[in-house]
């Protein structure tokens, strides 16, 4: 899995800022940052979901279907 940046790393890279130049008034950027983390978390859950032929195990397809829309972007504000 690729490394997801911290909020500071994300803003510093996006705006080529030093730590001292960062502003706390970048709410749109923080929303975008949060969306990156949510998507990465969902992807990780899907990729690490157990699957198998046992009746006690949920199918991989069911896991993907349940997780893919579990936290829509519209909820990240």
PDB file of N, CA and C in Angstrom:
ATOM      1  N   UNK A   1       0.842  -1.174   0.000  1.00  0.00           N
ATOM      2  CA  UNK A   1       0.000   0.000   0.000  1.00  0.00           C
ATOM      3  C   UNK A   1       0.886   1.235   0.000  1.00  0.00           C
ATOM      4  N   UNK A   2       0.512   2.230  -0.799  1.00  0.00           N
ATOM      5  CA  UNK A   2       1.316   3.446  -0.837  1.00  0.00           C
ATOM      6  C   UNK A   2       1.092   4.271   0.427  1.00  0.00           C
ATOM      7  N   UNK A   3       2.108   5.027   0.779  1.00  0.00           N
ATOM      8  CA  UNK A   3       2.049   5.822   2.002  1.00  0.00           C
ATOM      9  C   UNK A   3       1.113   7.012   1.809  1.00  0.00           C
ATOM     10  N   UNK A   4       0.178   7.186   2.719  1.00  0.00           N
ATOM     11  CA  UNK A   4      -0.704   8.344   2.724  1.00  0.00           C
ATOM     12  C   UNK A   4      -0.011   9.426   3.545  1.00  0.00           C
ATOM     13  N   UNK A   5       0.095  10.643   3.019  1.00  0.00           N
ATOM     14  CA  UNK A   5       0.808  11.690   3.747  1.00  0.00           C
ATOM     15  C   UNK A   5       0.039  12.169   4.972  1.00  0.00           C
ATOM     16  N   UNK A   6       0.775  12.729   5.914  1.00  0.00           N
ATOM     17  CA  UNK A   6       0.120  13.395   7.034  1.00  0.00           C
ATOM     18  C   UNK A   6      -0.474  14.694   6.515  1.00  0.00           C
ATOM     19  N   UNK A   7      -1.339  15.331   7.308  1.00  0.00           N
ATOM     20  CA  UNK A   7      -1.935  16.607   6.886  1.00  0.00           C
ATOM     21  C   UNK A   7      -0.846  17.637   6.594  1.00  0.00           C
ATOM     22  N   UNK A   8       0.136  17.712   7.454  1.00  0.00           N
ATOM     23  CA  UNK A   8       1.230  18.658   7.242  1.00  0.00           C
ATOM     24  C   UNK A   8       1.987  18.356   5.960  1.00  0.00           C
ATOM     25  N   UNK A   9       2.327  17.102   5.745  1.00  0.00           N
ATOM     26  CA  UNK A   9       3.056  16.716   4.528  1.00  0.00           C
ATOM     27  C   UNK A   9       2.243  17.042   3.280  1.00  0.00           C
ATOM     28  N   UNK A  10       0.954  16.748   3.345  1.00  0.00           N
ATOM     29  CA  UNK A  10       0.081  16.994   2.204  1.00  0.00           C
ATOM     30  C   UNK A  10       0.054  18.477   1.835  1.00  0.00           C
ATOM     31  N   UNK A  11      -0.181  19.344   2.823  1.00  0.00           N
ATOM     32  CA  UNK A  11      -0.254  20.781   2.549  1.00  0.00           C
ATOM     33  C   UNK A  11       1.101  21.353   2.149  1.00  0.00           C
ATOM     34  N   UNK A  12       2.144  20.917   2.793  1.00  0.00           N
ATOM     35  CA  UNK A  12       3.471  21.423   2.462  1.00  0.00           C
ATOM     36  C   UNK A  12       3.842  21.045   1.029  1.00  0.00           C
ATOM     37  N   UNK A  13       3.510  19.829   0.614  1.00  0.00           N
ATOM     38  CA  UNK A  13       3.826  19.406  -0.744  1.00  0.00           C
ATOM     39  C   UNK A  13       2.929  20.101  -1.765  1.00  0.00           C
ATOM     40  N   UNK A  14       1.642  20.184  -1.485  1.00  0.00           N
ATOM     41  CA  UNK A  14       0.701  20.779  -2.432  1.00  0.00           C
ATOM     42  C   UNK A  14       1.037  22.236  -2.718  1.00  0.00           C
ATOM     43  N   UNK A  15       1.439  22.960  -1.687  1.00  0.00           N
ATOM     44  CA  UNK A  15       1.688  24.389  -1.851  1.00  0.00           C
ATOM     45  C   UNK A  15       3.163  24.762  -1.778  1.00  0.00           C
ATOM     46  N   UNK A  16       4.027  23.779  -1.764  1.00  0.00           N
ATOM     47  CA  UNK A  16       5.474  24.018  -1.653  1.00  0.00           C
ATOM     48  C   UNK A  16       5.772  24.967  -0.494  1.00  0.00           C
ATOM     49  N   UNK A  17       5.208  24.640   0.654  1.00  0.00           N
ATOM     50  CA  UNK A  17       5.357  25.482   1.835  1.00  0.00           C
ATOM     51  C   UNK A  17       6.339  24.871   2.822  1.00  0.00           C
ATOM     52  N   UNK A  18       6.939  25.725   3.580  1.00  0.00           N
ATOM     53  CA  UNK A  18       7.702  25.244   4.736  1.00  0.00           C
ATOM     54  C   UNK A  18       6.711  25.088   5.879  1.00  0.00           C
ATOM     55  N   UNK A  19       7.146  24.469   6.939  1.00  0.00           N
ATOM     56  CA  UNK A  19       6.270  24.268   8.091  1.00  0.00           C
ATOM     57  C   UNK A  19       5.750  25.608   8.609  1.00  0.00           C
ATOM     58  N   UNK A  20       6.621  26.621   8.656  1.00  0.00           N
ATOM     59  CA  UNK A  20       6.247  27.937   9.184  1.00  0.00           C
ATOM     60  C   UNK A  20       5.257  28.678   8.289  1.00  0.00           C
ATOM     61  N   UNK A  21       5.208  28.333   7.020  1.00  0.00           N
ATOM     62  CA  UNK A  21       4.323  29.023   6.083  1.00  0.00           C
ATOM     63  C   UNK A  21       2.919  28.446   6.017  1.00  0.00           C
ATOM     64  N   UNK A  22       2.715  27.316   6.642  1.00  0.00           N
ATOM     65  CA  UNK A  22       1.404  26.672   6.557  1.00  0.00           C
ATOM     66  C   UNK A  22       0.335  27.520   7.239  1.00  0.00           C
ATOM     67  N   UNK A  23      -0.851  27.511   6.657  1.00  0.00           N
ATOM     68  CA  UNK A  23      -1.977  28.268   7.195  1.00  0.00           C
ATOM     69  C   UNK A  23      -3.044  27.295   7.665  1.00  0.00           C
ATOM     70  N   UNK A  24      -3.770  27.675   8.696  1.00  0.00           N
ATOM     71  CA  UNK A  24      -4.855  26.816   9.187  1.00  0.00           C
ATOM     72  C   UNK A  24      -6.159  27.100   8.445  1.00  0.00           C
ATOM     73  N   UNK A  25      -6.147  27.986   7.477  1.00  0.00           N
ATOM     74  CA  UNK A  25      -7.362  28.366   6.750  1.00  0.00           C
ATOM     75  C   UNK A  25      -7.509  27.624   5.432  1.00  0.00           C
ATOM     76  N   UNK A  26      -7.103  26.410   5.349  1.00  0.00           N
ATOM     77  CA  UNK A  26      -7.164  25.642   4.107  1.00  0.00           C
ATOM     78  C   UNK A  26      -8.176  24.504   4.250  1.00  0.00           C
ATOM     79  N   UNK A  27      -9.415  24.865   4.556  1.00  0.00           N
ATOM     80  CA  UNK A  27     -10.421  23.832   4.829  1.00  0.00           C
ATOM     81  C   UNK A  27     -10.702  22.951   3.613  1.00  0.00           C
ATOM     82  N   UNK A  28     -10.731  23.516   2.418  1.00  0.00           N
ATOM     83  CA  UNK A  28     -10.970  22.692   1.231  1.00  0.00           C
ATOM     84  C   UNK A  28      -9.876  21.651   1.066  1.00  0.00           C
ATOM     85  N   UNK A  29      -8.660  22.043   1.345  1.00  0.00           N
ATOM     86  CA  UNK A  29      -7.549  21.108   1.231  1.00  0.00           C
ATOM     87  C   UNK A  29      -7.633  20.014   2.288  1.00  0.00           C
ATOM     88  N   UNK A  30      -8.078  20.346   3.463  1.00  0.00           N
ATOM     89  CA  UNK A  30      -8.208  19.340   4.513  1.00  0.00           C
ATOM     90  C   UNK A  30      -9.325  18.361   4.184  1.00  0.00           C
ATOM     91  N   UNK A  31     -10.391  18.851   3.528  1.00  0.00           N
ATOM     92  CA  UNK A  31     -11.453  17.953   3.091  1.00  0.00           C
ATOM     93  C   UNK A  31     -10.906  16.982   2.055  1.00  0.00           C
ATOM     94  N   UNK A  32     -10.134  17.493   1.104  1.00  0.00           N
ATOM     95  CA  UNK A  32      -9.520  16.634   0.088  1.00  0.00           C
ATOM     96  C   UNK A  32      -8.594  15.610   0.745  1.00  0.00           C
ATOM     97  N   UNK A  33      -7.837  16.063   1.733  1.00  0.00           N
ATOM     98  CA  UNK A  33      -6.936  15.188   2.482  1.00  0.00           C
ATOM     99  C   UNK A  33      -7.721  14.083   3.189  1.00  0.00           C
ATOM    100  N   UNK A  34      -8.825  14.446   3.821  1.00  0.00           N
ATOM    101  CA  UNK A  34      -9.651  13.454   4.520  1.00  0.00           C
ATOM    102  C   UNK A  34     -10.204  12.421   3.540  1.00  0.00           C
ATOM    103  N   UNK A  35     -10.613  12.883   2.364  1.00  0.00           N
ATOM    104  CA  UNK A  35     -11.128  11.955   1.357  1.00  0.00           C
ATOM    105  C   UNK A  35     -10.067  10.942   0.936  1.00  0.00           C
ATOM    106  N   UNK A  36      -8.811  11.391   0.816  1.00  0.00           N
ATOM    107  CA  UNK A  36      -7.723  10.466   0.490  1.00  0.00           C
ATOM    108  C   UNK A  36      -7.617   9.362   1.533  1.00  0.00           C
ATOM    109  N   UNK A  37      -7.705   9.738   2.797  1.00  0.00           N
ATOM    110  CA  UNK A  37      -7.582   8.755   3.872  1.00  0.00           C
ATOM    111  C   UNK A  37      -8.766   7.800   3.914  1.00  0.00           C
ATOM    112  N   UNK A  38      -9.963   8.319   3.719  1.00  0.00           N
ATOM    113  CA  UNK A  38     -11.150   7.452   3.722  1.00  0.00           C
ATOM    114  C   UNK A  38     -11.060   6.434   2.588  1.00  0.00           C
ATOM    115  N   UNK A  39     -10.714   6.910   1.385  1.00  0.00           N
ATOM    116  CA  UNK A  39     -10.602   5.999   0.240  1.00  0.00           C
ATOM    117  C   UNK A  39      -9.518   4.952   0.469  1.00  0.00           C
ATOM    118  N   UNK A  40      -8.395   5.371   1.061  1.00  0.00           N
ATOM    119  CA  UNK A  40      -7.314   4.419   1.332  1.00  0.00           C
ATOM    120  C   UNK A  40      -7.743   3.392   2.379  1.00  0.00           C
ATOM    121  N   UNK A  41      -8.470   3.835   3.393  1.00  0.00           N
ATOM    122  CA  UNK A  41      -8.929   2.911   4.437  1.00  0.00           C
ATOM    123  C   UNK A  41      -9.915   1.897   3.877  1.00  0.00           C
ATOM    124  N   UNK A  42     -10.840   2.358   3.055  1.00  0.00           N
ATOM    125  CA  UNK A  42     -11.807   1.441   2.447  1.00  0.00           C
ATOM    126  C   UNK A  42     -11.093   0.443   1.539  1.00  0.00           C
ATOM    127  N   UNK A  43     -10.153   0.939   0.753  1.00  0.00           N
ATOM    128  CA  UNK A  43      -9.391   0.057  -0.141  1.00  0.00           C
ATOM    129  C   UNK A  43      -8.645  -1.007   0.664  1.00  0.00           C
ATOM    130  N   UNK A  44      -8.027  -0.600   1.761  1.00  0.00           N
ATOM    131  CA  UNK A  44      -7.292  -1.544   2.612  1.00  0.00           C
ATOM    132  C   UNK A  44      -8.241  -2.595   3.197  1.00  0.00           C
ATOM    133  N   UNK A  45      -9.417  -2.175   3.624  1.00  0.00           N
ATOM    134  CA  UNK A  45     -10.398  -3.128   4.160  1.00  0.00           C
ATOM    135  C   UNK A  45     -10.817  -4.135   3.105  1.00  0.00           C
ATOM    136  N   UNK A  46     -11.055  -3.652   1.897  1.00  0.00           N
ATOM    137  CA  UNK A  46     -11.462  -4.545   0.820  1.00  0.00           C
ATOM    138  C   UNK A  46     -10.350  -5.535   0.498  1.00  0.00           C
ATOM    139  N   UNK A  47      -9.122  -5.028   0.402  1.00  0.00           N
ATOM    140  CA  UNK A  47      -7.996  -5.900   0.038  1.00  0.00           C
ATOM    141  C   UNK A  47      -7.666  -6.923   1.122  1.00  0.00           C
ATOM    142  N   UNK A  48      -7.946  -6.596   2.376  1.00  0.00           N
ATOM    143  CA  UNK A  48      -7.597  -7.521   3.457  1.00  0.00           C
ATOM    144  C   UNK A  48      -8.802  -8.323   3.956  1.00  0.00           C
ATOM    145  N   UNK A  49      -9.929  -8.190   3.275  1.00  0.00           N
ATOM    146  CA  UNK A  49     -11.136  -8.905   3.702  1.00  0.00           C
ATOM    147  C   UNK A  49     -10.955 -10.402   3.556  1.00  0.00           C
ATOM    148  N   UNK A  50     -11.386 -11.140   4.573  1.00  0.00           N
ATOM    149  CA  UNK A  50     -11.304 -12.600   4.459  1.00  0.00           C
ATOM    150  C   UNK A  50     -12.314 -13.104   3.440  1.00  0.00           C
ATOM    151  N   UNK A  51     -11.926 -14.118   2.760  1.00  0.00           N
ATOM    152  CA  UNK A  51     -12.867 -14.728   1.821  1.00  0.00           C
ATOM    153  C   UNK A  51     -12.572 -16.213   1.755  1.00  0.00           C
ATOM    154  N   UNK A  52     -13.534 -16.931   1.331  1.00  0.00           N
ATOM    155  CA  UNK A  52     -13.357 -18.374   1.230  1.00  0.00           C
ATOM    156  C   UNK A  52     -14.663 -19.043   0.898  1.00  0.00           C
ATOM    157  N   UNK A  53     -14.638 -20.338   0.892  1.00  0.00           N
ATOM    158  CA  UNK A  53     -15.838 -21.075   0.511  1.00  0.00           C
ATOM    159  C   UNK A  53     -16.665 -21.511   1.713  1.00  0.00           C
ATOM    160  N   UNK A  54     -16.188 -21.241   2.913  1.00  0.00           N
ATOM    161  CA  UNK A  54     -16.919 -21.640   4.111  1.00  0.00           C
ATOM    162  C   UNK A  54     -18.242 -20.877   4.211  1.00  0.00           C
ATOM    163  N   UNK A  55     -19.249 -21.512   4.720  1.00  0.00           N
ATOM    164  CA  UNK A  55     -20.528 -20.822   4.916  1.00  0.00           C
ATOM    165  C   UNK A  55     -20.437 -19.812   6.051  1.00  0.00           C
ATOM    166  N   UNK A  56     -19.399 -19.907   6.882  1.00  0.00           N
ATOM    167  CA  UNK A  56     -19.200 -18.955   7.969  1.00  0.00           C
ATOM    168  C   UNK A  56     -18.474 -17.694   7.513  1.00  0.00           C
ATOM    169  N   UNK A  57     -17.986 -17.675   6.295  1.00  0.00           N
ATOM    170  CA  UNK A  57     -17.212 -16.549   5.785  1.00  0.00           C
ATOM    171  C   UNK A  57     -18.022 -15.799   4.741  1.00  0.00           C
ATOM    172  N   UNK A  58     -18.082 -14.495   4.900  1.00  0.00           N
ATOM    173  CA  UNK A  58     -18.772 -13.657   3.924  1.00  0.00           C
ATOM    174  C   UNK A  58     -17.978 -13.689   2.626  1.00  0.00           C
ATOM    175  N   UNK A  59     -18.658 -13.696   1.496  1.00  0.00           N
ATOM    176  CA  UNK A  59     -17.950 -13.724   0.227  1.00  0.00           C
ATOM    177  C   UNK A  59     -17.219 -12.400  -0.002  1.00  0.00           C
ATOM    178  N   UNK A  60     -16.158 -12.484  -0.758  1.00  0.00           N
ATOM    179  CA  UNK A  60     -15.376 -11.292  -1.099  1.00  0.00           C
ATOM    180  C   UNK A  60     -16.263 -10.262  -1.801  1.00  0.00           C
ATOM    181  N   UNK A  61     -17.111 -10.704  -2.675  1.00  0.00           N
ATOM    182  CA  UNK A  61     -18.007  -9.808  -3.406  1.00  0.00           C
ATOM    183  C   UNK A  61     -18.943  -9.069  -2.456  1.00  0.00           C
ATOM    184  N   UNK A  62     -19.447  -9.760  -1.440  1.00  0.00           N
ATOM    185  CA  UNK A  62     -20.317  -9.123  -0.449  1.00  0.00           C
ATOM    186  C   UNK A  62     -19.561  -8.063   0.352  1.00  0.00           C
ATOM    187  N   UNK A  63     -18.312  -8.373   0.689  1.00  0.00           N
ATOM    188  CA  UNK A  63     -17.488  -7.419   1.432  1.00  0.00           C
ATOM    189  C   UNK A  63     -17.255  -6.167   0.596  1.00  0.00           C
ATOM    190  N   UNK A  64     -16.876  -6.335  -0.661  1.00  0.00           N
ATOM    191  CA  UNK A  64     -16.644  -5.198  -1.551  1.00  0.00           C
ATOM    192  C   UNK A  64     -17.905  -4.359  -1.667  1.00  0.00           C
ATOM    193  N   UNK A  65     -19.024  -4.999  -1.878  1.00  0.00           N
ATOM    194  CA  UNK A  65     -20.293  -4.278  -2.028  1.00  0.00           C
ATOM    195  C   UNK A  65     -20.634  -3.497  -0.760  1.00  0.00           C
ATOM    196  N   UNK A  66     -20.416  -4.090   0.401  1.00  0.00           N
ATOM    197  CA  UNK A  66     -20.728  -3.432   1.670  1.00  0.00           C
ATOM    198  C   UNK A  66     -19.795  -2.265   1.962  1.00  0.00           C
ATOM    199  N   UNK A  67     -18.535  -2.371   1.567  1.00  0.00           N
ATOM    200  CA  UNK A  67     -17.561  -1.358   1.916  1.00  0.00           C
ATOM    201  C   UNK A  67     -17.416  -0.222   0.909  1.00  0.00           C
ATOM    202  N   UNK A  68     -17.695  -0.479  -0.355  1.00  0.00           N
ATOM    203  CA  UNK A  68     -17.347   0.505  -1.371  1.00  0.00           C
ATOM    204  C   UNK A  68     -18.068   1.840  -1.197  1.00  0.00           C
ATOM    205  N   UNK A  69     -19.247   1.826  -0.623  1.00  0.00           N
ATOM    206  CA  UNK A  69     -19.978   3.069  -0.399  1.00  0.00           C
ATOM    207  C   UNK A  69     -20.276   3.304   1.087  1.00  0.00           C
ATOM    208  N   UNK A  70     -19.462   2.741   1.961  1.00  0.00           N
ATOM    209  CA  UNK A  70     -19.768   2.820   3.388  1.00  0.00           C
ATOM    210  C   UNK A  70     -19.549   4.214   3.975  1.00  0.00           C
ATOM    211  N   UNK A  71     -18.719   5.023   3.358  1.00  0.00           N
ATOM    212  CA  UNK A  71     -18.510   6.388   3.850  1.00  0.00           C
ATOM    213  C   UNK A  71     -18.394   7.306   2.656  1.00  0.00           C
ATOM    214  N   UNK A  72     -19.528   7.790   2.119  1.00  0.00           N
ATOM    215  CA  UNK A  72     -19.517   8.597   0.913  1.00  0.00           C
ATOM    216  C   UNK A  72     -18.803   9.937   1.100  1.00  0.00           C
ATOM    217  N   UNK A  73     -18.237  10.450   0.007  1.00  0.00           N
ATOM    218  CA  UNK A  73     -17.539  11.732   0.043  1.00  0.00           C
ATOM    219  C   UNK A  73     -18.409  12.862   0.597  1.00  0.00           C
ATOM    220  N   UNK A  74     -19.709  12.801   0.349  1.00  0.00           N
ATOM    221  CA  UNK A  74     -20.592  13.882   0.813  1.00  0.00           C
ATOM    222  C   UNK A  74     -20.604  13.996   2.329  1.00  0.00           C
ATOM    223  N   UNK A  75     -20.176  12.945   3.040  1.00  0.00           N
ATOM    224  CA  UNK A  75     -20.108  13.001   4.504  1.00  0.00           C
ATOM    225  C   UNK A  75     -18.844  13.647   5.030  1.00  0.00           C
ATOM    226  N   UNK A  76     -17.904  13.890   4.162  1.00  0.00           N
ATOM    227  CA  UNK A  76     -16.631  14.501   4.582  1.00  0.00           C
ATOM    228  C   UNK A  76     -16.747  15.999   4.361  1.00  0.00           C
ATOM    229  N   UNK A  77     -16.795  16.723   5.452  1.00  0.00           N
ATOM    230  CA  UNK A  77     -17.029  18.180   5.380  1.00  0.00           C
ATOM    231  C   UNK A  77     -15.995  18.940   6.155  1.00  0.00           C
TER     232      UNK A  77
END
